[in-house]
């Protein structure tokens, strides 16, 4: 035997959250306002229906806002079945808020009047700001990694560096026995230098190679 899920509380929660345009609220600065536009709605708040089946009909939904970062605030919307109808109640954490409401619209409108755009955006600022700083750090790290990769590629080296490195590697590879070493770190170093030497030959002009060979 199967039953439909009772989701009155979830519909009320979704209606409440839909009344906020999170991406276009005022977060105190142009930088944060612009960044907020790139964030998904689920970053700011989300609603989760607690499992409940039709036989009892009473159901609840947890609504979590990213308030007061790094903590979160959870509001629980309860729908209590009563006769042919029912009513909604709301809890913030373990505290029951005043009032009961007959319809989803009535509840959503009431909650929006309590928690206005200004109040919600003000409490969301720390979360948006922290995410923005993480994003900046990630972008900076990515740029730094790309810079290191660019600088490590012989194709991007100036001619003088290619010639000097080629000559040094040629002397090393012609005289070393590191390739026969049982020490893994020594063998790995030889392998890296050998690979770099081959890469250099691929990107150097004939003139550069001839110049490098004359310095060996």
Foldseek 3Di string as FASTA:
>chain_A
DDFDWQCQQVVLVVLLLVVDPQLQFDLPDPLLNPLSVVDDSVLAKDKAWDTDGDPQNKTKIWMWGCFPPPDIWIKIWIWHDDPPFTWIWIATPPRTDDDIGGHSVVSSVVVCVVCPSVNSSHRCNVVSVVVSVVVVVVVVVVVVVVVVVLVVQLLNDDLVVLLQLLLVLVVDVVPDPLCVDPDPVSNVVNVVSVVVNVSSVVRDDPVSNVSSVVVD
